[in-house]
Amino acid sequence: MQASQLNSLLKNISSTQVVIVAGGKAKRLGVSDVPKALLKVGNKTLLDLCVEMYKECGYRDFVLLLGHLHERVEEHLEKVGNYGVNVKISVDPEPGNVGKGKALKYALVRGAIDRSKRAIITYPDDVFLDRMLPIKLLIEHMHAVESYGVWASLVFVPGIEYPYGIAQTSYNGVIEKFEEKPFIEHVTYTGTCMVEPEVFDIIDEIVDLNYPGAVDFEGLVIPKLAKEKKLYCVRIPPYTWIPVNTLKDYERVLEKFRNEVRR
């Protein structure tokens, strides 16, 4: 990489904030007294792993969107000294009944998210095994912005392991073929994206904080961007993303990091 390219990359990193949606519960994992972001992986939490990945790639400005047991997360942040980066916090006023759309708008209204800067929006419970992803995402996103005029880039995997067995049956119900946990080759969104400030204007426009219930960013904002052809697809290799939604997912992350320690 030439010096001019490196300087441009560093400039773009410094003008990008990382928004971490960390208000989730760990109910489906059988845990009720710990925020999902603070689930332990070895001697670190999911939140630690998330922040450290972006910090190692040069990002220094973070916004945490908190909800369920937010006090516990704030205590953890104080304990780790905010990871040595700049951290702003926005706490959902109605934890558990907000959704990503409302959480983002609350943070915008309160000034926690800087409207003048692009943002990576991600979750601590989406574990990425490629620690250079934050840089690769930025490079691809900036190319797409300049070449295609997009406002957001979404991170996808080319397929995902379906967690159940599937069958092909004849007309009379006789099973002719069975496959356990097949790999489904269907482009799948990981939940992580990079957005330009124009997306914040759309959130302002269409997300209603008075709506009596959760407002889903993926269900409301992203379809509008797609309709206007303002979205770009960044693909990463399969099996480099582990969404921690079930106990089995969590066990997979634990085993993966145990193997890393052994090496």
Protein backbone atom coordinates (compact mmCIF):
# COMPACT_ATOMS: atom_id res chain seq x y z
CA MET A 1 0.00 0.00 0.00
CA GLN A 2 1.37 3.39 -1.02
CA ALA A 3 1.84 6.16 1.54
CA SER A 4 -1.01 8.21 0.07
CA GLN A 5 -3.39 5.21 0.23
CA LEU A 6 -2.35 4.49 3.81
CA ASN A 7 -2.92 8.11 4.83
CA SER A 8 -6.35 8.06 3.18
CA LEU A 9 -7.25 4.83 5.00
CA LEU A 10 -6.13 6.20 8.37
CA LYS A 11 -8.12 9.39 7.76
CA ASN A 12 -11.26 7.39 6.96
CA ILE A 13 -10.80 5.22 10.05
CA SER A 14 -10.47 8.30 12.26
CA SER A 15 -13.69 9.75 10.78
CA THR A 16 -15.71 6.56 11.41
CA GLN A 17 -17.57 5.77 14.65
CA VAL A 18 -18.42 2.26 15.80
CA VAL A 19 -21.99 1.90 17.08
CA ILE A 20 -22.45 -1.26 19.15
CA VAL A 21 -26.01 -2.39 19.81
CA ALA A 22 -25.50 -3.96 23.24
CA GLY A 23 -28.93 -3.89 24.86
CA GLY A 24 -29.84 -7.54 24.32
CA LYS A 25 -30.88 -10.21 26.78
CA ALA A 26 -29.38 -13.70 27.02
CA LYS A 27 -32.76 -15.31 27.69
CA ARG A 28 -32.49 -17.93 24.94
CA LEU A 29 -29.16 -18.99 26.39
CA GLY A 30 -30.75 -19.65 29.76
CA VAL A 31 -29.23 -16.59 31.45
CA SER A 32 -31.38 -13.85 32.94
CA ASP A 33 -29.08 -11.98 35.32
CA VAL A 34 -26.32 -11.01 32.85
CA PRO A 35 -26.60 -8.79 29.75
CA LYS A 36 -25.82 -10.72 26.58
CA ALA A 37 -22.86 -8.42 25.86
CA LEU A 38 -21.19 -9.52 29.10
CA LEU A 39 -21.30 -13.27 28.48
CA LYS A 40 -17.80 -14.61 29.12
CA VAL A 41 -15.52 -16.19 26.53
CA GLY A 42 -12.52 -17.32 28.53
CA ASN A 43 -11.45 -14.32 30.59
CA LYS A 44 -13.12 -11.83 28.24
CA THR A 45 -16.69 -10.83 27.46
CA LEU A 46 -18.38 -10.71 24.06
CA LEU A 47 -18.25 -6.92 24.35
CA ASP A 48 -14.49 -7.05 25.04
CA LEU A 49 -13.91 -9.15 21.91
CA CYS A 50 -15.99 -6.80 19.80
CA VAL A 51 -14.39 -3.54 20.95
CA GLU A 52 -10.88 -5.01 20.81
CA MET A 53 -11.31 -6.10 17.18
CA TYR A 54 -12.19 -2.56 16.08
CA LYS A 55 -9.59 -0.96 18.35
CA GLU A 56 -6.85 -3.18 16.91
CA CYS A 57 -7.83 -1.88 13.45
CA GLY A 58 -7.43 1.73 14.56
CA TYR A 59 -10.97 2.78 15.47
CA ARG A 60 -11.17 5.04 18.51
CA ASP A 61 -14.73 6.45 18.66
CA PHE A 62 -17.44 4.12 20.02
CA VAL A 63 -21.12 4.50 20.85
CA LEU A 64 -22.83 1.85 22.98
CA LEU A 65 -26.60 1.47 22.76
CA LEU A 66 -27.64 -0.11 26.05
CA GLY A 67 -30.89 -1.43 27.47
CA HIS A 68 -31.32 -4.60 29.54
CA LEU A 69 -29.26 -4.38 32.77
CA HIS A 70 -27.39 -1.38 31.37
CA GLU A 71 -25.93 -0.64 34.81
CA ARG A 72 -23.94 -3.88 34.63
CA VAL A 73 -22.44 -2.88 31.27
CA GLU A 74 -21.59 0.59 32.56
CA GLU A 75 -19.86 -0.95 35.58
CA HIS A 76 -17.84 -3.17 33.25
CA LEU A 77 -16.85 -0.17 31.12
CA GLU A 78 -15.62 1.64 34.22
CA LYS A 79 -13.68 -1.46 35.27
CA VAL A 80 -11.85 -1.72 31.92
CA GLY A 81 -11.32 2.03 31.62
CA ASN A 82 -13.51 2.32 28.52
CA TYR A 83 -10.90 0.14 26.76
CA GLY A 84 -8.70 3.20 26.31
CA VAL A 85 -10.99 4.60 23.59
CA ASN A 86 -13.69 7.28 23.38
CA VAL A 87 -17.03 5.83 24.52
CA LYS A 88 -20.45 7.46 24.47
CA ILE A 89 -23.54 5.75 25.89
CA SER A 90 -27.22 5.89 25.00
CA VAL A 91 -29.63 3.98 27.25
CA ASP A 92 -33.00 2.92 25.87
CA PRO A 93 -35.82 4.41 28.00
CA GLU A 94 -37.94 1.28 27.54
CA PRO A 95 -35.52 -1.69 27.53
CA GLY A 96 -36.79 -4.74 25.68
CA ASN A 97 -39.42 -2.85 23.70
CA VAL A 98 -37.36 -0.59 21.47
CA GLY A 99 -35.74 -2.42 18.57
CA LYS A 100 -32.63 -1.33 16.72
CA GLY A 101 -34.47 1.42 14.84
CA LYS A 102 -35.64 3.24 17.96
CA ALA A 103 -32.32 2.65 19.75
CA LEU A 104 -30.47 4.35 16.89
CA LYS A 105 -32.88 7.28 16.80
CA TYR A 106 -32.69 7.76 20.58
CA ALA A 107 -28.90 7.94 20.26
CA LEU A 108 -29.17 10.46 17.41
CA VAL A 109 -31.64 12.67 19.29
CA ARG A 110 -29.42 12.65 22.38
CA GLY A 111 -26.27 13.43 20.40
CA ALA A 112 -24.49 10.20 21.31
CA ILE A 113 -24.12 9.37 17.59
CA ASP A 114 -22.24 12.02 15.63
CA ARG A 115 -24.46 12.89 12.64
CA SER A 116 -21.50 14.19 10.63
CA LYS A 117 -19.55 10.92 10.68
CA ARG A 118 -20.12 7.56 9.00
CA ALA A 119 -20.70 4.62 11.32
CA ILE A 120 -20.21 0.90 11.57
CA ILE A 121 -23.29 -0.58 13.26
CA THR A 122 -22.71 -3.97 14.84
CA TYR A 123 -23.58 -6.34 17.71
CA PRO A 124 -21.21 -7.78 20.34
CA ASP A 125 -22.92 -11.17 20.01
CA ASP A 126 -21.97 -11.44 16.34
CA VAL A 127 -18.50 -12.94 16.58
CA PHE A 128 -16.25 -12.46 13.54
CA LEU A 129 -13.19 -14.66 13.23
CA ASP A 130 -11.45 -12.41 10.68
CA ARG A 131 -9.99 -9.70 12.89
CA MET A 132 -9.19 -7.53 9.85
CA LEU A 133 -12.85 -7.28 8.86
CA PRO A 134 -13.22 -3.65 10.12
CA ILE A 135 -10.56 -2.50 7.65
CA LYS A 136 -11.78 -4.66 4.77
CA LEU A 137 -15.32 -3.40 5.29
CA LEU A 138 -14.19 0.22 5.23
CA ILE A 139 -12.14 -0.24 2.05
CA GLU A 140 -14.99 -1.97 0.19
CA HIS A 141 -17.54 0.52 1.47
CA MET A 142 -15.53 3.56 0.38
CA HIS A 143 -15.07 2.01 -3.07
CA ALA A 144 -18.84 1.42 -3.32
CA VAL A 145 -19.62 4.98 -2.18
CA GLU A 146 -17.29 6.47 -4.80
CA SER A 147 -18.21 4.06 -7.61
CA TYR A 148 -21.93 3.47 -7.10
CA GLY A 149 -23.15 6.29 -4.86
CA VAL A 150 -24.40 3.97 -2.12
CA TRP A 151 -25.16 5.11 1.42
CA ALA A 152 -24.66 1.81 3.24
CA SER A 153 -22.76 -1.47 2.92
CA LEU A 154 -24.05 -4.66 4.54
CA VAL A 155 -21.86 -7.62 5.50
CA PHE A 156 -23.08 -10.97 4.17
CA VAL A 157 -21.93 -14.58 4.18
CA PRO A 158 -22.63 -16.64 1.03
CA GLY A 159 -24.59 -19.20 3.00
CA ILE A 160 -25.20 -20.60 6.46
CA GLU A 161 -25.54 -23.97 8.16
CA TYR A 162 -29.22 -24.68 8.68
CA PRO A 163 -29.55 -25.90 12.30
CA TYR A 164 -32.12 -28.62 11.55
CA GLY A 165 -32.42 -31.74 9.42
CA ILE A 166 -34.31 -31.42 6.14
CA ALA A 167 -36.11 -34.03 4.07
CA GLN A 168 -37.45 -34.57 0.58
CA THR A 169 -40.68 -36.53 0.57
CA SER A 170 -42.78 -38.25 -2.02
CA TYR A 171 -46.45 -37.45 -2.58
CA ASN A 172 -47.47 -40.11 -0.02
CA GLY A 173 -45.17 -38.84 2.74
CA VAL A 174 -42.35 -41.37 2.32
CA ILE A 175 -38.98 -39.72 2.93
CA GLU A 176 -36.72 -40.13 -0.09
CA LYS A 177 -33.76 -38.08 1.11
CA PHE A 178 -32.64 -36.73 4.48
CA GLU A 179 -29.81 -34.32 5.25
CA GLU A 180 -28.77 -33.21 8.72
CA LYS A 181 -27.79 -29.53 9.14
CA PRO A 182 -27.23 -28.74 5.45
CA PHE A 183 -25.29 -25.71 4.28
CA ILE A 184 -27.87 -23.45 2.66
CA GLU A 185 -26.33 -21.41 -0.16
CA HIS A 186 -28.38 -18.28 0.30
CA VAL A 187 -26.71 -14.90 0.84
CA THR A 188 -27.28 -14.14 4.54
CA TYR A 189 -27.00 -10.81 6.36
CA THR A 190 -24.77 -10.84 9.44
CA GLY A 191 -26.34 -7.77 11.07
CA THR A 192 -23.21 -5.61 10.66
CA CYS A 193 -23.19 -2.66 8.29
CA MET A 194 -21.44 0.62 7.54
CA VAL A 195 -23.57 3.69 6.89
CA GLU A 196 -23.02 7.21 5.63
CA PRO A 197 -24.59 10.21 7.47
CA GLU A 198 -27.43 10.27 4.91
CA VAL A 199 -28.81 7.14 6.58
CA PHE A 200 -29.27 9.09 9.81
CA ASP A 201 -31.58 11.47 7.94
CA ILE A 202 -33.71 8.51 6.87
CA ILE A 203 -33.86 7.22 10.46
CA ASP A 204 -35.02 10.70 11.53
CA GLU A 205 -37.65 10.69 8.81
CA ILE A 206 -39.26 7.26 9.19
CA VAL A 207 -38.56 5.96 12.71
CA ASP A 208 -41.35 7.05 15.07
CA LEU A 209 -40.34 7.11 18.74
CA ASN A 210 -44.00 7.27 19.71
CA TYR A 211 -44.81 4.00 17.99
CA PRO A 212 -46.10 1.60 20.70
CA GLY A 213 -43.59 -1.18 20.23
CA ALA A 214 -40.20 -2.09 18.81
CA VAL A 215 -39.06 -0.62 15.49
CA ASP A 216 -36.77 -2.86 13.45
CA PHE A 217 -33.96 -1.13 11.52
CA GLU A 218 -33.68 -4.07 9.12
CA GLY A 219 -37.42 -4.18 8.56
CA LEU A 220 -37.93 -0.45 8.01
CA VAL A 221 -34.78 1.43 7.01
CA ILE A 222 -32.82 -1.14 5.00
CA PRO A 223 -35.71 -2.00 2.62
CA LYS A 224 -36.06 1.73 1.83
CA LEU A 225 -32.33 1.95 1.05
CA ALA A 226 -32.57 -1.13 -1.15
CA LYS A 227 -35.52 0.32 -3.05
CA GLU A 228 -33.49 3.46 -3.74
CA LYS A 229 -30.47 1.34 -4.79
CA LYS A 230 -28.32 2.80 -2.03
CA LEU A 231 -27.05 -0.52 -0.60
CA TYR A 232 -23.87 -2.50 -1.30
CA CYS A 233 -23.11 -6.13 -0.46
CA VAL A 234 -19.79 -6.97 1.22
CA ARG A 235 -19.23 -10.73 1.25
CA ILE A 236 -17.08 -12.54 3.77
CA PRO A 237 -16.15 -16.26 3.78
CA PRO A 238 -18.60 -18.75 5.31
CA TYR A 239 -17.90 -19.92 8.86
CA THR A 240 -16.09 -16.67 9.73
CA TRP A 241 -19.23 -15.38 11.44
CA ILE A 242 -20.81 -16.94 14.52
CA PRO A 243 -24.08 -15.34 15.66
CA VAL A 244 -24.61 -16.13 19.33
CA ASN A 245 -28.35 -16.75 19.45
CA THR A 246 -28.55 -20.17 21.07
CA LEU A 247 -26.65 -22.16 23.67
CA LYS A 248 -25.14 -24.24 20.86
CA ASP A 249 -23.83 -21.06 19.18
CA TYR A 250 -22.31 -19.93 22.47
CA GLU A 251 -20.64 -23.31 22.95
CA ARG A 252 -19.21 -23.07 19.44
CA VAL A 253 -17.64 -19.68 20.26
CA LEU A 254 -16.23 -21.03 23.52
CA GLU A 255 -14.70 -24.02 21.73
CA LYS A 256 -13.27 -21.85 18.96
CA PHE A 257 -11.48 -19.55 21.38
CA ARG A 258 -10.27 -22.50 23.47
CA ASN A 259 -8.62 -23.81 20.32
CA GLU A 260 -7.06 -20.42 19.64
CA VAL A 261 -5.57 -20.37 23.14
CA ARG A 262 -4.14 -23.89 22.68
CA ARG A 263 -2.30 -22.74 19.56
